[in-house]
PDB file of all heavy atoms in Angstrom:
ATOM      1  N   ARG A   1       4.701   1.234 -12.552  1.00  0.00           N
ATOM      2  CA  ARG A   1       4.699   1.067 -11.090  1.00  0.00           C
ATOM      3  C   ARG A   1       4.146   2.346 -10.364  1.00  0.00           C
ATOM      4  O   ARG A   1       3.012   2.747 -10.785  1.00  0.00           O
ATOM      5  CB  ARG A   1       6.053   0.637 -10.636  1.00  0.00           C
ATOM      6  CG  ARG A   1       6.484  -0.659 -11.377  1.00  0.00           C
ATOM      7  CD  ARG A   1       7.752  -1.261 -10.953  1.00  0.00           C
ATOM      8  NE  ARG A   1       7.975  -2.444 -11.801  1.00  0.00           N
ATOM      9  CZ  ARG A   1       9.000  -3.283 -11.678  1.00  0.00           C
ATOM     10  NH1 ARG A   1       9.896  -3.096 -10.682  1.00  0.00           N
ATOM     11  NH2 ARG A   1       9.131  -4.307 -12.496  1.00  0.00           N
ATOM     12  N   LEU A   2       4.859   2.934  -9.522  1.00  0.00           N
ATOM     13  CA  LEU A   2       4.280   4.093  -8.816  1.00  0.00           C
ATOM     14  C   LEU A   2       4.584   5.372  -9.576  1.00  0.00           C
ATOM     15  O   LEU A   2       4.241   6.479  -9.072  1.00  0.00           O
ATOM     16  CB  LEU A   2       4.824   4.164  -7.365  1.00  0.00           C
ATOM     17  CG  LEU A   2       4.319   3.048  -6.448  1.00  0.00           C
ATOM     18  CD1 LEU A   2       4.792   3.271  -5.059  1.00  0.00           C
ATOM     19  CD2 LEU A   2       2.764   2.895  -6.514  1.00  0.00           C
ATOM     20  N   ASN A   3       5.264   5.330 -10.694  1.00  0.00           N
ATOM     21  CA  ASN A   3       5.483   6.503 -11.504  1.00  0.00           C
ATOM     22  C   ASN A   3       6.086   7.651 -10.743  1.00  0.00           C
ATOM     23  O   ASN A   3       5.793   8.813 -10.917  1.00  0.00           O
ATOM     24  CB  ASN A   3       4.169   6.965 -12.166  1.00  0.00           C
ATOM     25  CG  ASN A   3       4.345   7.915 -13.347  1.00  0.00           C
ATOM     26  OD1 ASN A   3       5.321   7.787 -14.065  1.00  0.00           O
ATOM     27  ND2 ASN A   3       3.450   8.819 -13.506  1.00  0.00           N
ATOM     28  N   GLY A   4       7.010   7.297  -9.790  1.00  0.00           N
ATOM     29  CA  GLY A   4       7.729   8.327  -9.020  1.00  0.00           C
ATOM     30  C   GLY A   4       6.989   8.848  -7.822  1.00  0.00           C
ATOM     31  O   GLY A   4       7.524   9.689  -7.091  1.00  0.00           O
ATOM     32  N   ILE A   5       5.769   8.287  -7.551  1.00  0.00           N
ATOM     33  CA  ILE A   5       4.951   8.788  -6.401  1.00  0.00           C
ATOM     34  C   ILE A   5       5.431   8.106  -5.155  1.00  0.00           C
ATOM     35  O   ILE A   5       5.768   6.926  -5.151  1.00  0.00           O
ATOM     36  CB  ILE A   5       3.475   8.534  -6.647  1.00  0.00           C
ATOM     37  CG1 ILE A   5       3.023   9.144  -8.007  1.00  0.00           C
ATOM     38  CG2 ILE A   5       2.626   9.026  -5.511  1.00  0.00           C
ATOM     39  CD1 ILE A   5       3.169  10.637  -8.105  1.00  0.00           C
ATOM     40  N   ASP A   6       5.360   8.797  -4.038  1.00  0.00           N
ATOM     41  CA  ASP A   6       5.739   8.265  -2.742  1.00  0.00           C
ATOM     42  C   ASP A   6       4.873   7.021  -2.413  1.00  0.00           C
ATOM     43  O   ASP A   6       3.675   7.064  -2.583  1.00  0.00           O
ATOM     44  CB  ASP A   6       5.538   9.382  -1.684  1.00  0.00           C
ATOM     45  CG  ASP A   6       5.788   8.817  -0.265  1.00  0.00           C
ATOM     46  OD1 ASP A   6       6.979   8.595   0.075  1.00  0.00           O
ATOM     47  OD2 ASP A   6       4.794   8.626   0.495  1.00  0.00           O
ATOM     48  N   GLY A   7       5.524   6.003  -1.845  1.00  0.00           N
ATOM     49  CA  GLY A   7       4.823   4.729  -1.599  1.00  0.00           C
ATOM     50  C   GLY A   7       3.787   4.841  -0.538  1.00  0.00           C
ATOM     51  O   GLY A   7       2.707   4.234  -0.677  1.00  0.00           O
ATOM     52  N   ILE A   8       4.010   5.671   0.492  1.00  0.00           N
ATOM     53  CA  ILE A   8       2.976   5.780   1.531  1.00  0.00           C
ATOM     54  C   ILE A   8       1.765   6.506   1.003  1.00  0.00           C
ATOM     55  O   ILE A   8       0.629   6.162   1.286  1.00  0.00           O
ATOM     56  CB  ILE A   8       3.578   6.590   2.759  1.00  0.00           C
ATOM     57  CG1 ILE A   8       4.630   5.704   3.459  1.00  0.00           C
ATOM     58  CG2 ILE A   8       2.464   6.927   3.728  1.00  0.00           C
ATOM     59  CD1 ILE A   8       4.090   4.426   4.139  1.00  0.00           C
ATOM     60  N   GLU A   9       2.000   7.512   0.174  1.00  0.00           N
ATOM     61  CA  GLU A   9       0.873   8.168  -0.495  1.00  0.00           C
ATOM     62  C   GLU A   9       0.052   7.236  -1.282  1.00  0.00           C
ATOM     63  O   GLU A   9      -1.202   7.212  -1.233  1.00  0.00           O
ATOM     64  CB  GLU A   9       1.360   9.342  -1.326  1.00  0.00           C
ATOM     65  CG  GLU A   9       0.286  10.086  -2.068  1.00  0.00           C
ATOM     66  CD  GLU A   9       0.834  11.189  -2.956  1.00  0.00           C
ATOM     67  OE1 GLU A   9       1.985  11.637  -2.823  1.00  0.00           O
ATOM     68  OE2 GLU A   9       0.102  11.602  -3.887  1.00  0.00           O
ATOM     69  N   ALA A  10       0.669   6.390  -2.042  1.00  0.00           N
ATOM     70  CA  ALA A  10      -0.043   5.412  -2.850  1.00  0.00           C
ATOM     71  C   ALA A  10      -0.721   4.384  -1.977  1.00  0.00           C
ATOM     72  O   ALA A  10      -1.889   3.967  -2.256  1.00  0.00           O
ATOM     73  CB  ALA A  10       0.957   4.667  -3.797  1.00  0.00           C
ATOM     74  N   ALA A  11      -0.102   3.911  -0.906  1.00  0.00           N
ATOM     75  CA  ALA A  11      -0.708   2.966  -0.007  1.00  0.00           C
ATOM     76  C   ALA A  11      -1.945   3.495   0.653  1.00  0.00           C
ATOM     77  O   ALA A  11      -2.934   2.783   0.865  1.00  0.00           O
ATOM     78  CB  ALA A  11       0.353   2.490   1.039  1.00  0.00           C
ATOM     79  N   LYS A  12      -1.898   4.766   0.991  1.00  0.00           N
ATOM     80  CA  LYS A  12      -3.136   5.374   1.597  1.00  0.00           C
ATOM     81  C   LYS A  12      -4.258   5.351   0.601  1.00  0.00           C
ATOM     82  O   LYS A  12      -5.448   5.064   0.969  1.00  0.00           O
ATOM     83  CB  LYS A  12      -2.832   6.849   1.961  1.00  0.00           C
ATOM     84  CG  LYS A  12      -1.979   7.021   3.199  1.00  0.00           C
ATOM     85  CD  LYS A  12      -1.767   8.502   3.498  1.00  0.00           C
ATOM     86  CE  LYS A  12      -0.948   8.683   4.750  1.00  0.00           C
ATOM     87  NZ  LYS A  12      -0.685  10.151   5.095  1.00  0.00           N
ATOM     88  N   GLU A  13      -3.993   5.556  -0.668  1.00  0.00           N
ATOM     89  CA  GLU A  13      -5.058   5.578  -1.681  1.00  0.00           C
ATOM     90  C   GLU A  13      -5.565   4.109  -1.924  1.00  0.00           C
ATOM     91  O   GLU A  13      -6.767   3.955  -2.086  1.00  0.00           O
ATOM     92  CB  GLU A  13      -4.478   6.139  -2.967  1.00  0.00           C
ATOM     93  CG  GLU A  13      -4.212   7.634  -2.895  1.00  0.00           C
ATOM     94  CD  GLU A  13      -3.780   8.227  -4.224  1.00  0.00           C
ATOM     95  OE1 GLU A  13      -3.487   7.490  -5.165  1.00  0.00           O
ATOM     96  OE2 GLU A  13      -3.707   9.478  -4.288  1.00  0.00           O
ATOM     97  N   HIS A  14      -4.672   3.166  -1.878  1.00  0.00           N
ATOM     98  CA  HIS A  14      -5.064   1.747  -2.021  1.00  0.00           C
ATOM     99  C   HIS A  14      -5.951   1.311  -0.833  1.00  0.00           C
ATOM    100  O   HIS A  14      -6.964   0.617  -1.043  1.00  0.00           O
ATOM    101  CB  HIS A  14      -3.845   0.876  -2.148  1.00  0.00           C
ATOM    102  CG  HIS A  14      -3.209   0.864  -3.443  1.00  0.00           C
ATOM    103  ND1 HIS A  14      -2.701  -0.263  -4.072  1.00  0.00           N
ATOM    104  CD2 HIS A  14      -2.971   1.914  -4.334  1.00  0.00           C
ATOM    105  CE1 HIS A  14      -2.193   0.054  -5.273  1.00  0.00           C
ATOM    106  NE2 HIS A  14      -2.378   1.367  -5.446  1.00  0.00           N
ATOM    107  N   TYR A  15      -5.559   1.742   0.350  1.00  0.00           N
ATOM    108  CA  TYR A  15      -6.367   1.415   1.546  1.00  0.00           C
ATOM    109  C   TYR A  15      -7.748   2.064   1.469  1.00  0.00           C
ATOM    110  O   TYR A  15      -8.742   1.461   1.807  1.00  0.00           O
ATOM    111  CB  TYR A  15      -5.637   1.886   2.779  1.00  0.00           C
ATOM    112  CG  TYR A  15      -6.359   1.583   4.072  1.00  0.00           C
ATOM    113  CD1 TYR A  15      -6.517   0.317   4.503  1.00  0.00           C
ATOM    114  CD2 TYR A  15      -6.867   2.664   4.842  1.00  0.00           C
ATOM    115  CE1 TYR A  15      -7.193   0.069   5.736  1.00  0.00           C
ATOM    116  CE2 TYR A  15      -7.522   2.420   6.046  1.00  0.00           C
ATOM    117  CZ  TYR A  15      -7.665   1.115   6.505  1.00  0.00           C
ATOM    118  OH  TYR A  15      -8.320   0.856   7.660  1.00  0.00           O
ATOM    119  N   ALA A  16      -7.773   3.319   0.996  1.00  0.00           N
ATOM    120  CA  ALA A  16      -9.078   4.014   0.842  1.00  0.00           C
ATOM    121  C   ALA A  16      -9.937   3.323  -0.197  1.00  0.00           C
ATOM    122  O   ALA A  16     -11.170   3.226  -0.039  1.00  0.00           O
ATOM    123  CB  ALA A  16      -8.819   5.474   0.422  1.00  0.00           C
ATOM    124  N   PHE A  17      -9.359   2.810  -1.246  1.00  0.00           N
ATOM    125  CA  PHE A  17     -10.080   2.156  -2.309  1.00  0.00           C
ATOM    126  C   PHE A  17     -10.620   0.764  -1.824  1.00  0.00           C
ATOM    127  O   PHE A  17     -11.777   0.368  -2.101  1.00  0.00           O
ATOM    128  CB  PHE A  17      -9.156   1.925  -3.498  1.00  0.00           C
ATOM    129  CG  PHE A  17      -9.832   1.358  -4.756  1.00  0.00           C
ATOM    130  CD1 PHE A  17     -10.884   2.041  -5.373  1.00  0.00           C
ATOM    131  CD2 PHE A  17      -9.386   0.187  -5.285  1.00  0.00           C
ATOM    132  CE1 PHE A  17     -11.453   1.512  -6.517  1.00  0.00           C
ATOM    133  CE2 PHE A  17      -9.936  -0.341  -6.447  1.00  0.00           C
ATOM    134  CZ  PHE A  17     -11.024   0.346  -7.042  1.00  0.00           C
ATOM    135  N   CYS A  18      -9.784   0.085  -1.034  1.00  0.00           N
ATOM    136  CA  CYS A  18     -10.123  -1.269  -0.562  1.00  0.00           C
ATOM    137  C   CYS A  18      -9.426  -1.500   0.719  1.00  0.00           C
ATOM    138  O   CYS A  18      -8.259  -1.878   0.749  1.00  0.00           O
ATOM    139  CB  CYS A  18      -9.722  -2.287  -1.630  1.00  0.00           C
ATOM    140  SG  CYS A  18      -9.973  -4.041  -1.110  1.00  0.00           S
ATOM    141  N   ASN A  19     -10.082  -1.290   1.855  1.00  0.00           N
ATOM    142  CA  ASN A  19      -9.393  -1.394   3.175  1.00  0.00           C
ATOM    143  C   ASN A  19      -8.924  -2.765   3.461  1.00  0.00           C
ATOM    144  O   ASN A  19      -7.950  -2.987   4.200  1.00  0.00           O
ATOM    145  CB  ASN A  19     -10.254  -0.861   4.304  1.00  0.00           C
ATOM    146  CG  ASN A  19     -11.588  -1.598   4.417  1.00  0.00           C
ATOM    147  OD1 ASN A  19     -12.065  -2.254   3.577  1.00  0.00           O
ATOM    148  ND2 ASN A  19     -12.235  -1.442   5.576  1.00  0.00           N
ATOM    149  N   ASP A  20      -9.530  -3.814   2.799  1.00  0.00           N
ATOM    150  CA  ASP A  20      -9.077  -5.202   3.027  1.00  0.00           C
ATOM    151  C   ASP A  20      -7.707  -5.403   2.387  1.00  0.00           C
ATOM    152  O   ASP A  20      -7.039  -6.416   2.705  1.00  0.00           O
ATOM    153  CB  ASP A  20     -10.083  -6.183   2.472  1.00  0.00           C
ATOM    154  CG  ASP A  20     -11.228  -6.466   3.379  1.00  0.00           C
ATOM    155  OD1 ASP A  20     -11.056  -6.229   4.599  1.00  0.00           O
ATOM    156  OD2 ASP A  20     -12.283  -6.893   2.897  1.00  0.00           O
ATOM    157  N   ARG A  21      -7.265  -4.501   1.541  1.00  0.00           N
ATOM    158  CA  ARG A  21      -5.941  -4.675   0.956  1.00  0.00           C
ATOM    159  C   ARG A  21      -4.865  -4.631   2.044  1.00  0.00           C
ATOM    160  O   ARG A  21      -3.792  -5.312   1.867  1.00  0.00           O
ATOM    161  CB  ARG A  21      -5.667  -3.502  -0.049  1.00  0.00           C
ATOM    162  CG  ARG A  21      -4.344  -3.604  -0.739  1.00  0.00           C
ATOM    163  CD  ARG A  21      -4.236  -4.916  -1.541  1.00  0.00           C
ATOM    164  NE  ARG A  21      -2.889  -5.120  -2.068  1.00  0.00           N
ATOM    165  CZ  ARG A  21      -1.911  -5.727  -1.427  1.00  0.00           C
ATOM    166  NH1 ARG A  21      -2.122  -6.217  -0.201  1.00  0.00           N
ATOM    167  NH2 ARG A  21      -0.712  -5.943  -2.011  1.00  0.00           N
ATOM    168  N   ILE A  22      -5.111  -3.938   3.143  1.00  0.00           N
ATOM    169  CA  ILE A  22      -4.228  -3.962   4.328  1.00  0.00           C
ATOM    170  C   ILE A  22      -4.771  -4.827   5.425  1.00  0.00           C
ATOM    171  O   ILE A  22      -4.118  -5.687   6.007  1.00  0.00           O
ATOM    172  CB  ILE A  22      -3.951  -2.538   4.806  1.00  0.00           C
ATOM    173  CG1 ILE A  22      -3.046  -1.817   3.854  1.00  0.00           C
ATOM    174  CG2 ILE A  22      -3.350  -2.605   6.219  1.00  0.00           C
ATOM    175  CD1 ILE A  22      -2.733  -0.392   4.246  1.00  0.00           C
ATOM    176  N   ASP A  23      -6.110  -4.711   5.672  1.00  0.00           N
ATOM    177  CA  ASP A  23      -6.685  -5.426   6.782  1.00  0.00           C
ATOM    178  C   ASP A  23      -6.600  -6.950   6.685  1.00  0.00           C
ATOM    179  O   ASP A  23      -6.549  -7.657   7.680  1.00  0.00           O
ATOM    180  CB  ASP A  23      -8.128  -4.975   7.035  1.00  0.00           C
ATOM    181  CG  ASP A  23      -8.240  -3.563   7.471  1.00  0.00           C
ATOM    182  OD1 ASP A  23      -7.208  -2.940   7.802  1.00  0.00           O
ATOM    183  OD2 ASP A  23      -9.362  -2.956   7.405  1.00  0.00           O
ATOM    184  N   GLN A  24      -6.697  -7.451   5.430  1.00  0.00           N
ATOM    185  CA  GLN A  24      -6.600  -8.881   5.194  1.00  0.00           C
ATOM    186  C   GLN A  24      -5.457  -9.251   4.213  1.00  0.00           C
ATOM    187  O   GLN A  24      -5.269 -10.452   3.993  1.00  0.00           O
ATOM    188  CB  GLN A  24      -7.961  -9.412   4.642  1.00  0.00           C
ATOM    189  CG  GLN A  24      -9.094  -9.222   5.606  1.00  0.00           C
ATOM    190  CD  GLN A  24     -10.285 -10.047   5.170  1.00  0.00           C
ATOM    191  OE1 GLN A  24     -10.184 -11.298   5.013  1.00  0.00           O
ATOM    192  NE2 GLN A  24     -11.443  -9.434   5.024  1.00  0.00           N
ATOM    193  N   GLY A  25      -4.735  -8.276   3.710  1.00  0.00           N
ATOM    194  CA  GLY A  25      -3.770  -8.583   2.705  1.00  0.00           C
ATOM    195  C   GLY A  25      -2.324  -8.297   3.106  1.00  0.00           C
ATOM    196  O   GLY A  25      -1.437  -8.377   2.231  1.00  0.00           O
ATOM    197  N   THR A  26      -2.090  -7.938   4.362  1.00  0.00           N
ATOM    198  CA  THR A  26      -0.715  -7.750   4.869  1.00  0.00           C
ATOM    199  C   THR A  26      -0.505  -8.563   6.139  1.00  0.00           C
ATOM    200  O   THR A  26      -1.468  -8.953   6.799  1.00  0.00           O
ATOM    201  CB  THR A  26      -0.447  -6.260   5.092  1.00  0.00           C
ATOM    202  OG1 THR A  26      -1.307  -5.809   6.120  1.00  0.00           O
ATOM    203  CG2 THR A  26      -0.670  -5.450   3.838  1.00  0.00           C
ATOM    204  N   ARG A  27       0.756  -8.671   6.501  1.00  0.00           N
ATOM    205  CA  ARG A  27       1.074  -9.380   7.767  1.00  0.00           C
ATOM    206  C   ARG A  27       1.131  -8.473   8.929  1.00  0.00           C
ATOM    207  O   ARG A  27       0.803  -8.848  10.062  1.00  0.00           O
ATOM    208  CB  ARG A  27       2.451 -10.105   7.556  1.00  0.00           C
ATOM    209  CG  ARG A  27       2.441 -11.266   6.619  1.00  0.00           C
ATOM    210  CD  ARG A  27       3.837 -11.832   6.377  1.00  0.00           C
ATOM    211  NE  ARG A  27       4.615 -10.912   5.560  1.00  0.00           N
ATOM    212  CZ  ARG A  27       4.545 -10.944   4.181  1.00  0.00           C
ATOM    213  NH1 ARG A  27       3.775 -11.820   3.571  1.00  0.00           N
ATOM    214  NH2 ARG A  27       5.279 -10.118   3.469  1.00  0.00           N
ATOM    215  N   THR A  28       1.464  -7.204   8.676  1.00  0.00           N
ATOM    216  CA  THR A  28       1.652  -6.262   9.831  1.00  0.00           C
ATOM    217  C   THR A  28       0.498  -5.302   9.961  1.00  0.00           C
ATOM    218  O   THR A  28       0.430  -4.555  10.923  1.00  0.00           O
ATOM    219  CB  THR A  28       2.918  -5.412   9.602  1.00  0.00           C
ATOM    220  OG1 THR A  28       2.777  -4.619   8.392  1.00  0.00           O
ATOM    221  CG2 THR A  28       4.153  -6.333   9.419  1.00  0.00           C
ATOM    222  N   TYR A  29      -0.426  -5.301   8.984  1.00  0.00           N
ATOM    223  CA  TYR A  29      -1.578  -4.362   8.957  1.00  0.00           C
ATOM    224  C   TYR A  29      -1.131  -2.876   8.999  1.00  0.00           C
ATOM    225  O   TYR A  29      -1.742  -2.062   9.605  1.00  0.00           O
ATOM    226  CB  TYR A  29      -2.535  -4.667  10.140  1.00  0.00           C
ATOM    227  CG  TYR A  29      -2.800  -6.098  10.311  1.00  0.00           C
ATOM    228  CD1 TYR A  29      -2.298  -6.810  11.457  1.00  0.00           C
ATOM    229  CD2 TYR A  29      -3.586  -6.794   9.432  1.00  0.00           C
ATOM    230  CE1 TYR A  29      -2.581  -8.159  11.627  1.00  0.00           C
ATOM    231  CE2 TYR A  29      -3.831  -8.140   9.567  1.00  0.00           C
ATOM    232  CZ  TYR A  29      -3.364  -8.830  10.682  1.00  0.00           C
ATOM    233  OH  TYR A  29      -3.623 -10.136  10.832  1.00  0.00           O
ATOM    234  N   ARG A  30      -0.091  -2.662   8.229  1.00  0.00           N
ATOM    235  CA  ARG A  30       0.490  -1.286   8.151  1.00  0.00           C
ATOM    236  C   ARG A  30       0.629  -0.786   6.749  1.00  0.00           C
ATOM    237  O   ARG A  30       0.945  -1.580   5.822  1.00  0.00           O
ATOM    238  CB  ARG A  30       1.825  -1.234   8.889  1.00  0.00           C
ATOM    239  CG  ARG A  30       1.729  -1.384  10.390  1.00  0.00           C
ATOM    240  CD  ARG A  30       3.083  -1.491  11.076  1.00  0.00           C
ATOM    241  NE  ARG A  30       2.951  -1.453  12.501  1.00  0.00           N
ATOM    242  CZ  ARG A  30       3.915  -1.713  13.356  1.00  0.00           C
ATOM    243  NH1 ARG A  30       5.113  -2.093  12.912  1.00  0.00           N
ATOM    244  NH2 ARG A  30       3.705  -1.696  14.670  1.00  0.00           N
ATOM    245  N   LEU A  31       0.450   0.509   6.588  1.00  0.00           N
ATOM    246  CA  LEU A  31       0.650   1.116   5.253  1.00  0.00           C
ATOM    247  C   LEU A  31       2.014   0.904   4.714  1.00  0.00           C
ATOM    248  O   LEU A  31       2.186   0.691   3.512  1.00  0.00           O
ATOM    249  CB  LEU A  31       0.344   2.619   5.425  1.00  0.00           C
ATOM    250  CG  LEU A  31      -1.061   3.101   5.637  1.00  0.00           C
ATOM    251  CD1 LEU A  31      -1.076   4.562   6.020  1.00  0.00           C
ATOM    252  CD2 LEU A  31      -1.920   2.880   4.397  1.00  0.00           C
ATOM    253  N   SER A  32       3.028   0.932   5.592  1.00  0.00           N
ATOM    254  CA  SER A  32       4.408   0.873   5.114  1.00  0.00           C
ATOM    255  C   SER A  32       4.714  -0.481   4.463  1.00  0.00           C
ATOM    256  O   SER A  32       5.570  -0.546   3.538  1.00  0.00           O
ATOM    257  CB  SER A  32       5.379   1.172   6.244  1.00  0.00           C
ATOM    258  OG  SER A  32       5.100   0.362   7.362  1.00  0.00           O
ATOM    259  N   GLU A  33       4.094  -1.555   4.941  1.00  0.00           N
ATOM    260  CA  GLU A  33       4.275  -2.850   4.327  1.00  0.00           C
ATOM    261  C   GLU A  33       3.760  -2.871   2.891  1.00  0.00           C
ATOM    262  O   GLU A  33       4.391  -3.340   1.945  1.00  0.00           O
ATOM    263  CB  GLU A  33       3.619  -3.980   5.139  1.00  0.00           C
ATOM    264  CG  GLU A  33       3.793  -5.369   4.501  1.00  0.00           C
ATOM    265  CD  GLU A  33       3.036  -6.437   5.214  1.00  0.00           C
ATOM    266  OE1 GLU A  33       2.740  -6.338   6.374  1.00  0.00           O
ATOM    267  OE2 GLU A  33       2.729  -7.458   4.539  1.00  0.00           O
ATOM    268  N   LEU A  34       2.525  -2.350   2.737  1.00  0.00           N
ATOM    269  CA  LEU A  34       1.945  -2.288   1.433  1.00  0.00           C
ATOM    270  C   LEU A  34       2.834  -1.367   0.513  1.00  0.00           C
ATOM    271  O   LEU A  34       3.079  -1.689  -0.673  1.00  0.00           O
ATOM    272  CB  LEU A  34       0.533  -1.751   1.469  1.00  0.00           C
ATOM    273  CG  LEU A  34      -0.205  -1.521   0.152  1.00  0.00           C
ATOM    274  CD1 LEU A  34      -0.251  -2.746  -0.665  1.00  0.00           C
ATOM    275  CD2 LEU A  34      -1.600  -0.964   0.362  1.00  0.00           C
ATOM    276  N   ALA A  35       3.245  -0.240   1.062  1.00  0.00           N
ATOM    277  CA  ALA A  35       4.047   0.716   0.269  1.00  0.00           C
ATOM    278  C   ALA A  35       5.331   0.080  -0.196  1.00  0.00           C
ATOM    279  O   ALA A  35       5.757   0.292  -1.378  1.00  0.00           O
ATOM    280  CB  ALA A  35       4.373   1.984   1.093  1.00  0.00           C
ATOM    281  N   ALA A  36       5.975  -0.713   0.634  1.00  0.00           N
ATOM    282  CA  ALA A  36       7.250  -1.372   0.249  1.00  0.00           C
ATOM    283  C   ALA A  36       7.049  -2.322  -0.891  1.00  0.00           C
ATOM    284  O   ALA A  36       7.895  -2.457  -1.821  1.00  0.00           O
ATOM    285  CB  ALA A  36       7.840  -2.085   1.475  1.00  0.00           C
ATOM    286  N   GLY A  37       5.919  -3.011  -0.858  1.00  0.00           N
ATOM    287  CA  GLY A  37       5.640  -3.952  -1.999  1.00  0.00           C
ATOM    288  C   GLY A  37       5.280  -3.229  -3.260  1.00  0.00           C
ATOM    289  O   GLY A  37       5.667  -3.583  -4.369  1.00  0.00           O
ATOM    290  N   LEU A  38       4.486  -2.115  -3.173  1.00  0.00           N
ATOM    291  CA  LEU A  38       4.022  -1.423  -4.311  1.00  0.00           C
ATOM    292  C   LEU A  38       5.174  -0.776  -5.108  1.00  0.00           C
ATOM    293  O   LEU A  38       5.087  -0.636  -6.341  1.00  0.00           O
ATOM    294  CB  LEU A  38       3.043  -0.294  -3.920  1.00  0.00           C
ATOM    295  CG  LEU A  38       1.674  -0.662  -3.512  1.00  0.00           C
ATOM    296  CD1 LEU A  38       0.886   0.510  -2.970  1.00  0.00           C
ATOM    297  CD2 LEU A  38       0.935  -1.378  -4.608  1.00  0.00           C
ATOM    298  N   ALA A  39       6.264  -0.442  -4.400  1.00  0.00           N
ATOM    299  CA  ALA A  39       7.405   0.176  -5.077  1.00  0.00           C
ATOM    300  C   ALA A  39       7.917  -0.655  -6.198  1.00  0.00           C
ATOM    301  O   ALA A  39       8.506  -0.154  -7.176  1.00  0.00           O
ATOM    302  CB  ALA A  39       8.483   0.538  -4.074  1.00  0.00           C
ATOM    303  N   ASP A  40       7.802  -1.984  -6.138  1.00  0.00           N
ATOM    304  CA  ASP A  40       8.336  -2.874  -7.144  1.00  0.00           C
ATOM    305  C   ASP A  40       7.275  -3.781  -7.758  1.00  0.00           C
ATOM    306  O   ASP A  40       7.533  -4.861  -8.226  1.00  0.00           O
ATOM    307  CB  ASP A  40       9.507  -3.703  -6.563  1.00  0.00           C
ATOM    308  CG  ASP A  40      10.314  -4.444  -7.665  1.00  0.00           C
ATOM    309  OD1 ASP A  40      10.476  -3.864  -8.684  1.00  0.00           O
ATOM    310  OD2 ASP A  40      10.722  -5.590  -7.394  1.00  0.00           O
ATOM    311  N   SER A  41       6.025  -3.337  -7.762  1.00  0.00           N
ATOM    312  CA  SER A  41       4.896  -4.071  -8.275  1.00  0.00           C
ATOM    313  C   SER A  41       4.317  -3.413  -9.501  1.00  0.00           C
ATOM    314  O   SER A  41       4.123  -2.225  -9.513  1.00  0.00           O
ATOM    315  CB  SER A  41       3.807  -4.236  -7.233  1.00  0.00           C
ATOM    316  OG  SER A  41       4.233  -5.016  -6.116  1.00  0.00           O
TER     317      SER A  41
END
């Protein structure tokens, strides 16, 4: 999973890699929503 890394830090990297991961892949269009899911993905 996130290997102990902070979820917001990881979410920023995911957004940088693919901005549609948040812009089209979340309900709130926020980093924290993605981070919350990544913690257990």
